[in-house]
């Protein structure tokens, strides 16, 4: 906030069979390495998913892609 950084970070997460994030990559940079790094750090620590399932109903690894907007509150 003090540095007035903002931007949209695109990301792709690798999701383990347990529903936890096991990898994160930035697919669209905010232009600020601090925000890109924070995006993956926060998602890896906090995000949880219902595990994907294969044709037999067994849990399996999967992926999730989206973006997050970092902006200074009004």
PDB file of N, CA and C in Angstrom:
ATOM      1  N   UNK A   1       0.832  -1.190   0.000  1.00  0.00           N
ATOM      2  CA  UNK A   1       0.000   0.000   0.000  1.00  0.00           C
ATOM      3  C   UNK A   1       0.873   1.249   0.000  1.00  0.00           C
ATOM      4  N   UNK A   2       1.937   1.230   0.803  1.00  0.00           N
ATOM      5  CA  UNK A   2       2.812   2.404   0.877  1.00  0.00           C
ATOM      6  C   UNK A   2       3.446   2.743  -0.459  1.00  0.00           C
ATOM      7  N   UNK A   3       3.700   1.736  -1.290  1.00  0.00           N
ATOM      8  CA  UNK A   3       4.349   1.965  -2.583  1.00  0.00           C
ATOM      9  C   UNK A   3       3.338   2.171  -3.699  1.00  0.00           C
ATOM     10  N   UNK A   4       2.043   2.102  -3.376  1.00  0.00           N
ATOM     11  CA  UNK A   4       0.970   2.352  -4.335  1.00  0.00           C
ATOM     12  C   UNK A   4       1.022   1.394  -5.531  1.00  0.00           C
ATOM     13  N   UNK A   5       1.335   0.125  -5.268  1.00  0.00           N
ATOM     14  CA  UNK A   5       1.419  -0.877  -6.329  1.00  0.00           C
ATOM     15  C   UNK A   5       0.042  -1.456  -6.616  1.00  0.00           C
ATOM     16  N   UNK A   6      -0.221  -1.717  -7.876  1.00  0.00           N
ATOM     17  CA  UNK A   6      -1.473  -2.353  -8.265  1.00  0.00           C
ATOM     18  C   UNK A   6      -1.254  -3.107  -9.568  1.00  0.00           C
ATOM     19  N   UNK A   7      -2.204  -3.940  -9.923  1.00  0.00           N
ATOM     20  CA  UNK A   7      -2.124  -4.684 -11.170  1.00  0.00           C
ATOM     21  C   UNK A   7      -2.924  -5.964 -11.081  1.00  0.00           C
ATOM     22  N   UNK A   8      -3.003  -6.659 -12.204  1.00  0.00           N
ATOM     23  CA  UNK A   8      -3.710  -7.938 -12.275  1.00  0.00           C
ATOM     24  C   UNK A   8      -2.687  -9.031 -12.509  1.00  0.00           C
ATOM     25  N   UNK A   9      -2.693 -10.026 -11.632  1.00  0.00           N
ATOM     26  CA  UNK A   9      -1.789 -11.175 -11.745  1.00  0.00           C
ATOM     27  C   UNK A   9      -2.587 -12.384 -12.222  1.00  0.00           C
ATOM     28  N   UNK A  10      -2.209 -12.938 -13.374  1.00  0.00           N
ATOM     29  CA  UNK A  10      -2.770 -14.199 -13.830  1.00  0.00           C
ATOM     30  C   UNK A  10      -1.932 -15.323 -13.249  1.00  0.00           C
ATOM     31  N   UNK A  11      -2.569 -16.426 -12.883  1.00  0.00           N
ATOM     32  CA  UNK A  11      -1.833 -17.533 -12.262  1.00  0.00           C
ATOM     33  C   UNK A  11      -2.406 -18.871 -12.671  1.00  0.00           C
ATOM     34  N   UNK A  12      -1.581 -19.891 -12.539  1.00  0.00           N
ATOM     35  CA  UNK A  12      -2.005 -21.285 -12.726  1.00  0.00           C
ATOM     36  C   UNK A  12      -1.506 -22.056 -11.505  1.00  0.00           C
ATOM     37  N   UNK A  13      -2.427 -22.787 -10.892  1.00  0.00           N
ATOM     38  CA  UNK A  13      -2.102 -23.590  -9.717  1.00  0.00           C
ATOM     39  C   UNK A  13      -2.113 -25.066 -10.067  1.00  0.00           C
ATOM     40  N   UNK A  14      -1.162 -25.789  -9.523  1.00  0.00           N
ATOM     41  CA  UNK A  14      -1.200 -27.248  -9.549  1.00  0.00           C
ATOM     42  C   UNK A  14      -1.852 -27.697  -8.254  1.00  0.00           C
ATOM     43  N   UNK A  15      -2.871 -28.529  -8.361  1.00  0.00           N
ATOM     44  CA  UNK A  15      -3.619 -28.983  -7.192  1.00  0.00           C
ATOM     45  C   UNK A  15      -3.343 -30.465  -6.987  1.00  0.00           C
ATOM     46  N   UNK A  16      -2.880 -30.811  -5.802  1.00  0.00           N
ATOM     47  CA  UNK A  16      -2.602 -32.207  -5.486  1.00  0.00           C
ATOM     48  C   UNK A  16      -3.875 -32.994  -5.247  1.00  0.00           C
ATOM     49  N   UNK A  17      -3.745 -34.295  -5.176  1.00  0.00           N
ATOM     50  CA  UNK A  17      -4.892 -35.176  -4.949  1.00  0.00           C
ATOM     51  C   UNK A  17      -5.547 -34.928  -3.592  1.00  0.00           C
ATOM     52  N   UNK A  18      -4.851 -34.214  -2.700  1.00  0.00           N
ATOM     53  CA  UNK A  18      -5.416 -33.876  -1.392  1.00  0.00           C
ATOM     54  C   UNK A  18      -6.152 -32.532  -1.405  1.00  0.00           C
ATOM     55  N   UNK A  19      -6.188 -31.842  -2.557  1.00  0.00           N
ATOM     56  CA  UNK A  19      -6.884 -30.569  -2.663  1.00  0.00           C
ATOM     57  C   UNK A  19      -6.047 -29.364  -2.300  1.00  0.00           C
ATOM     58  N   UNK A  20      -4.785 -29.590  -1.962  1.00  0.00           N
ATOM     59  CA  UNK A  20      -3.895 -28.487  -1.609  1.00  0.00           C
ATOM     60  C   UNK A  20      -3.068 -28.061  -2.815  1.00  0.00           C
ATOM     61  N   UNK A  21      -2.727 -26.777  -2.832  1.00  0.00           N
ATOM     62  CA  UNK A  21      -1.899 -26.243  -3.905  1.00  0.00           C
ATOM     63  C   UNK A  21      -0.485 -26.772  -3.750  1.00  0.00           C
ATOM     64  N   UNK A  22       0.062 -27.374  -4.821  1.00  0.00           N
ATOM     65  CA  UNK A  22       1.443 -27.855  -4.746  1.00  0.00           C
ATOM     66  C   UNK A  22       2.378 -27.115  -5.698  1.00  0.00           C
ATOM     67  N   UNK A  23       1.818 -26.239  -6.555  1.00  0.00           N
ATOM     68  CA  UNK A  23       2.664 -25.393  -7.394  1.00  0.00           C
ATOM     69  C   UNK A  23       1.868 -24.173  -7.838  1.00  0.00           C
ATOM     70  N   UNK A  24       2.594 -23.109  -8.151  1.00  0.00           N
ATOM     71  CA  UNK A  24       1.964 -21.879  -8.614  1.00  0.00           C
ATOM     72  C   UNK A  24       2.898 -21.218  -9.607  1.00  0.00           C
ATOM     73  N   UNK A  25       2.339 -20.776 -10.726  1.00  0.00           N
ATOM     74  CA  UNK A  25       3.135 -20.009 -11.683  1.00  0.00           C
ATOM     75  C   UNK A  25       2.322 -18.795 -12.118  1.00  0.00           C
ATOM     76  N   UNK A  26       3.015 -17.707 -12.349  1.00  0.00           N
ATOM     77  CA  UNK A  26       2.391 -16.479 -12.812  1.00  0.00           C
ATOM     78  C   UNK A  26       2.321 -16.531 -14.335  1.00  0.00           C
ATOM     79  N   UNK A  27       1.114 -16.382 -14.880  1.00  0.00           N
ATOM     80  CA  UNK A  27       0.914 -16.424 -16.326  1.00  0.00           C
ATOM     81  C   UNK A  27       0.739 -15.035 -16.919  1.00  0.00           C
ATOM     82  N   UNK A  28       0.472 -14.065 -16.062  1.00  0.00           N
ATOM     83  CA  UNK A  28       0.365 -12.659 -16.467  1.00  0.00           C
ATOM     84  C   UNK A  28       0.871 -11.818 -15.309  1.00  0.00           C
ATOM     85  N   UNK A  29       1.959 -11.130 -15.515  1.00  0.00           N
ATOM     86  CA  UNK A  29       2.581 -10.345 -14.452  1.00  0.00           C
ATOM     87  C   UNK A  29       1.846  -9.034 -14.209  1.00  0.00           C
ATOM     88  N   UNK A  30       1.867  -8.599 -12.972  1.00  0.00           N
ATOM     89  CA  UNK A  30       1.346  -7.281 -12.605  1.00  0.00           C
ATOM     90  C   UNK A  30       2.313  -6.183 -13.027  1.00  0.00           C
ATOM     91  N   UNK A  31       3.546  -6.584 -13.324  1.00  0.00           N
ATOM     92  CA  UNK A  31       4.600  -5.619 -13.582  1.00  0.00           C
ATOM     93  C   UNK A  31       5.384  -5.286 -12.328  1.00  0.00           C
ATOM     94  N   UNK A  32       4.989  -5.925 -11.214  1.00  0.00           N
ATOM     95  CA  UNK A  32       5.655  -5.712  -9.926  1.00  0.00           C
ATOM     96  C   UNK A  32       5.981  -7.073  -9.328  1.00  0.00           C
ATOM     97  N   UNK A  33       7.242  -7.392  -9.236  1.00  0.00           N
ATOM     98  CA  UNK A  33       7.620  -8.721  -8.739  1.00  0.00           C
ATOM     99  C   UNK A  33       7.087  -8.978  -7.332  1.00  0.00           C
ATOM    100  N   UNK A  34       6.970  -7.930  -6.524  1.00  0.00           N
ATOM    101  CA  UNK A  34       6.452  -8.097  -5.162  1.00  0.00           C
ATOM    102  C   UNK A  34       5.014  -8.617  -5.166  1.00  0.00           C
ATOM    103  N   UNK A  35       4.183  -8.086  -6.056  1.00  0.00           N
ATOM    104  CA  UNK A  35       2.792  -8.534  -6.127  1.00  0.00           C
ATOM    105  C   UNK A  35       2.687  -9.928  -6.731  1.00  0.00           C
ATOM    106  N   UNK A  36       3.502 -10.216  -7.729  1.00  0.00           N
ATOM    107  CA  UNK A  36       3.500 -11.554  -8.329  1.00  0.00           C
ATOM    108  C   UNK A  36       3.904 -12.602  -7.296  1.00  0.00           C
ATOM    109  N   UNK A  37       4.946 -12.306  -6.543  1.00  0.00           N
ATOM    110  CA  UNK A  37       5.404 -13.218  -5.489  1.00  0.00           C
ATOM    111  C   UNK A  37       4.345 -13.387  -4.407  1.00  0.00           C
ATOM    112  N   UNK A  38       3.706 -12.295  -4.006  1.00  0.00           N
ATOM    113  CA  UNK A  38       2.668 -12.354  -2.975  1.00  0.00           C
ATOM    114  C   UNK A  38       1.472 -13.172  -3.452  1.00  0.00           C
ATOM    115  N   UNK A  39       1.128 -13.074  -4.727  1.00  0.00           N
ATOM    116  CA  UNK A  39       0.011 -13.837  -5.283  1.00  0.00           C
ATOM    117  C   UNK A  39       0.226 -15.328  -5.051  1.00  0.00           C
ATOM    118  N   UNK A  40       1.377 -15.830  -5.473  1.00  0.00           N
ATOM    119  CA  UNK A  40       1.646 -17.266  -5.304  1.00  0.00           C
ATOM    120  C   UNK A  40       1.798 -17.650  -3.834  1.00  0.00           C
ATOM    121  N   UNK A  41       2.425 -16.801  -3.054  1.00  0.00           N
ATOM    122  CA  UNK A  41       2.613 -17.119  -1.633  1.00  0.00           C
ATOM    123  C   UNK A  41       1.266 -17.248  -0.924  1.00  0.00           C
ATOM    124  N   UNK A  42       0.377 -16.305  -1.148  1.00  0.00           N
ATOM    125  CA  UNK A  42      -0.927 -16.343  -0.486  1.00  0.00           C
ATOM    126  C   UNK A  42      -1.785 -17.503  -0.980  1.00  0.00           C
ATOM    127  N   UNK A  43      -1.814 -17.733  -2.280  1.00  0.00           N
ATOM    128  CA  UNK A  43      -2.620 -18.826  -2.815  1.00  0.00           C
ATOM    129  C   UNK A  43      -2.102 -20.185  -2.359  1.00  0.00           C
ATOM    130  N   UNK A  44      -0.803 -20.351  -2.349  1.00  0.00           N
ATOM    131  CA  UNK A  44      -0.222 -21.619  -1.909  1.00  0.00           C
ATOM    132  C   UNK A  44      -0.559 -21.883  -0.444  1.00  0.00           C
ATOM    133  N   UNK A  45      -0.544 -20.853   0.366  1.00  0.00           N
ATOM    134  CA  UNK A  45      -0.805 -21.003   1.797  1.00  0.00           C
ATOM    135  C   UNK A  45      -2.289 -21.154   2.112  1.00  0.00           C
ATOM    136  N   UNK A  46      -3.163 -20.450   1.394  1.00  0.00           N
ATOM    137  CA  UNK A  46      -4.568 -20.376   1.811  1.00  0.00           C
ATOM    138  C   UNK A  46      -5.564 -21.159   0.970  1.00  0.00           C
ATOM    139  N   UNK A  47      -5.317 -21.347  -0.296  1.00  0.00           N
ATOM    140  CA  UNK A  47      -6.315 -21.958  -1.176  1.00  0.00           C
ATOM    141  C   UNK A  47      -6.461 -23.459  -0.918  1.00  0.00           C
ATOM    142  N   UNK A  48      -7.684 -23.919  -0.920  1.00  0.00           N
ATOM    143  CA  UNK A  48      -7.995 -25.340  -0.793  1.00  0.00           C
ATOM    144  C   UNK A  48      -9.075 -25.668  -1.807  1.00  0.00           C
ATOM    145  N   UNK A  49      -9.003 -26.856  -2.374  1.00  0.00           N
ATOM    146  CA  UNK A  49      -9.928 -27.270  -3.419  1.00  0.00           C
ATOM    147  C   UNK A  49     -10.482 -28.649  -3.119  1.00  0.00           C
ATOM    148  N   UNK A  50     -11.645 -28.911  -3.660  1.00  0.00           N
ATOM    149  CA  UNK A  50     -12.169 -30.269  -3.691  1.00  0.00           C
ATOM    150  C   UNK A  50     -11.325 -30.989  -4.733  1.00  0.00           C
ATOM    151  N   UNK A  51     -10.674 -32.087  -4.383  1.00  0.00           N
ATOM    152  CA  UNK A  51      -9.797 -32.762  -5.343  1.00  0.00           C
ATOM    153  C   UNK A  51     -10.544 -33.210  -6.602  1.00  0.00           C
ATOM    154  N   UNK A  52      -9.842 -33.169  -7.724  1.00  0.00           N
ATOM    155  CA  UNK A  52     -10.387 -33.706  -8.972  1.00  0.00           C
ATOM    156  C   UNK A  52     -10.521 -35.222  -8.832  1.00  0.00           C
ATOM    157  N   UNK A  53     -11.368 -35.797  -9.651  1.00  0.00           N
ATOM    158  CA  UNK A  53     -11.556 -37.252  -9.615  1.00  0.00           C
ATOM    159  C   UNK A  53     -11.417 -37.816 -11.018  1.00  0.00           C
ATOM    160  N   UNK A  54     -10.820 -39.006 -11.072  1.00  0.00           N
ATOM    161  CA  UNK A  54     -10.681 -39.667 -12.366  1.00  0.00           C
ATOM    162  C   UNK A  54     -11.955 -40.441 -12.680  1.00  0.00           C
ATOM    163  N   UNK A  55     -11.948 -41.154 -13.782  1.00  0.00           N
ATOM    164  CA  UNK A  55     -13.125 -41.893 -14.214  1.00  0.00           C
ATOM    165  C   UNK A  55     -13.608 -42.947 -13.229  1.00  0.00           C
ATOM    166  N   UNK A  56     -12.703 -43.437 -12.392  1.00  0.00           N
ATOM    167  CA  UNK A  56     -13.059 -44.441 -11.399  1.00  0.00           C
ATOM    168  C   UNK A  56     -13.475 -43.816 -10.074  1.00  0.00           C
ATOM    169  N   UNK A  57     -13.444 -42.492 -10.000  1.00  0.00           N
ATOM    170  CA  UNK A  57     -13.838 -41.815  -8.762  1.00  0.00           C
ATOM    171  C   UNK A  57     -12.712 -41.594  -7.777  1.00  0.00           C
ATOM    172  N   UNK A  58     -11.494 -41.946  -8.155  1.00  0.00           N
ATOM    173  CA  UNK A  58     -10.349 -41.747  -7.270  1.00  0.00           C
ATOM    174  C   UNK A  58      -9.862 -40.303  -7.372  1.00  0.00           C
ATOM    175  N   UNK A  59      -9.408 -39.761  -6.243  1.00  0.00           N
ATOM    176  CA  UNK A  59      -8.882 -38.400  -6.286  1.00  0.00           C
ATOM    177  C   UNK A  59      -7.600 -38.369  -7.110  1.00  0.00           C
ATOM    178  N   UNK A  60      -7.410 -37.254  -7.804  1.00  0.00           N
ATOM    179  CA  UNK A  60      -6.253 -37.101  -8.682  1.00  0.00           C
ATOM    180  C   UNK A  60      -5.827 -35.647  -8.695  1.00  0.00           C
ATOM    181  N   UNK A  61      -4.637 -35.391  -9.167  1.00  0.00           N
ATOM    182  CA  UNK A  61      -4.135 -34.025  -9.278  1.00  0.00           C
ATOM    183  C   UNK A  61      -4.858 -33.285 -10.399  1.00  0.00           C
ATOM    184  N   UNK A  62      -4.891 -31.961 -10.293  1.00  0.00           N
ATOM    185  CA  UNK A  62      -5.526 -31.150 -11.317  1.00  0.00           C
ATOM    186  C   UNK A  62      -4.888 -29.771 -11.369  1.00  0.00           C
ATOM    187  N   UNK A  63      -5.481 -28.886 -12.136  1.00  0.00           N
ATOM    188  CA  UNK A  63      -4.991 -27.513 -12.240  1.00  0.00           C
ATOM    189  C   UNK A  63      -6.157 -26.541 -12.135  1.00  0.00           C
ATOM    190  N   UNK A  64      -5.824 -25.302 -11.814  1.00  0.00           N
ATOM    191  CA  UNK A  64      -6.799 -24.224 -11.743  1.00  0.00           C
ATOM    192  C   UNK A  64      -6.095 -22.959 -12.198  1.00  0.00           C
ATOM    193  N   UNK A  65      -6.736 -22.203 -13.070  1.00  0.00           N
ATOM    194  CA  UNK A  65      -6.158 -20.947 -13.552  1.00  0.00           C
ATOM    195  C   UNK A  65      -7.165 -19.820 -13.375  1.00  0.00           C
ATOM    196  N   UNK A  66      -6.662 -18.658 -12.979  1.00  0.00           N
ATOM    197  CA  UNK A  66      -7.510 -17.495 -12.808  1.00  0.00           C
ATOM    198  C   UNK A  66      -6.623 -16.263 -12.699  1.00  0.00           C
ATOM    199  N   UNK A  67      -7.167 -15.200 -12.154  1.00  0.00           N
ATOM    200  CA  UNK A  67      -6.389 -13.984 -11.933  1.00  0.00           C
ATOM    201  C   UNK A  67      -6.887 -13.296 -10.677  1.00  0.00           C
ATOM    202  N   UNK A  68      -6.057 -12.420 -10.149  1.00  0.00           N
ATOM    203  CA  UNK A  68      -6.407 -11.634  -8.979  1.00  0.00           C
ATOM    204  C   UNK A  68      -6.001 -10.188  -9.245  1.00  0.00           C
ATOM    205  N   UNK A  69      -6.865  -9.270  -8.852  1.00  0.00           N
ATOM    206  CA  UNK A  69      -6.558  -7.853  -9.025  1.00  0.00           C
ATOM    207  C   UNK A  69      -6.082  -7.268  -7.704  1.00  0.00           C
ATOM    208  N   UNK A  70      -4.919  -6.702  -7.744  1.00  0.00           N
ATOM    209  CA  UNK A  70      -4.360  -5.994  -6.596  1.00  0.00           C
ATOM    210  C   UNK A  70      -4.629  -4.511  -6.810  1.00  0.00           C
ATOM    211  N   UNK A  71      -5.338  -3.886  -5.874  1.00  0.00           N
ATOM    212  CA  UNK A  71      -5.577  -2.451  -6.018  1.00  0.00           C
ATOM    213  C   UNK A  71      -5.655  -1.804  -4.642  1.00  0.00           C
ATOM    214  N   UNK A  72      -5.371  -0.513  -4.634  1.00  0.00           N
ATOM    215  CA  UNK A  72      -5.436   0.261  -3.415  1.00  0.00           C
ATOM    216  C   UNK A  72      -6.913   0.582  -3.152  1.00  0.00           C
ATOM    217  N   UNK A  73      -7.403   0.318  -1.923  1.00  0.00           N
ATOM    218  CA  UNK A  73      -8.806   0.625  -1.627  1.00  0.00           C
ATOM    219  C   UNK A  73      -9.086   2.117  -1.792  1.00  0.00           C
ATOM    220  N   UNK A  74     -10.308   2.401  -2.199  1.00  0.00           N
ATOM    221  CA  UNK A  74     -10.735   3.805  -2.340  1.00  0.00           C
ATOM    222  C   UNK A  74     -10.928   4.465  -0.993  1.00  0.00           C
TER     223      UNK A  74
END
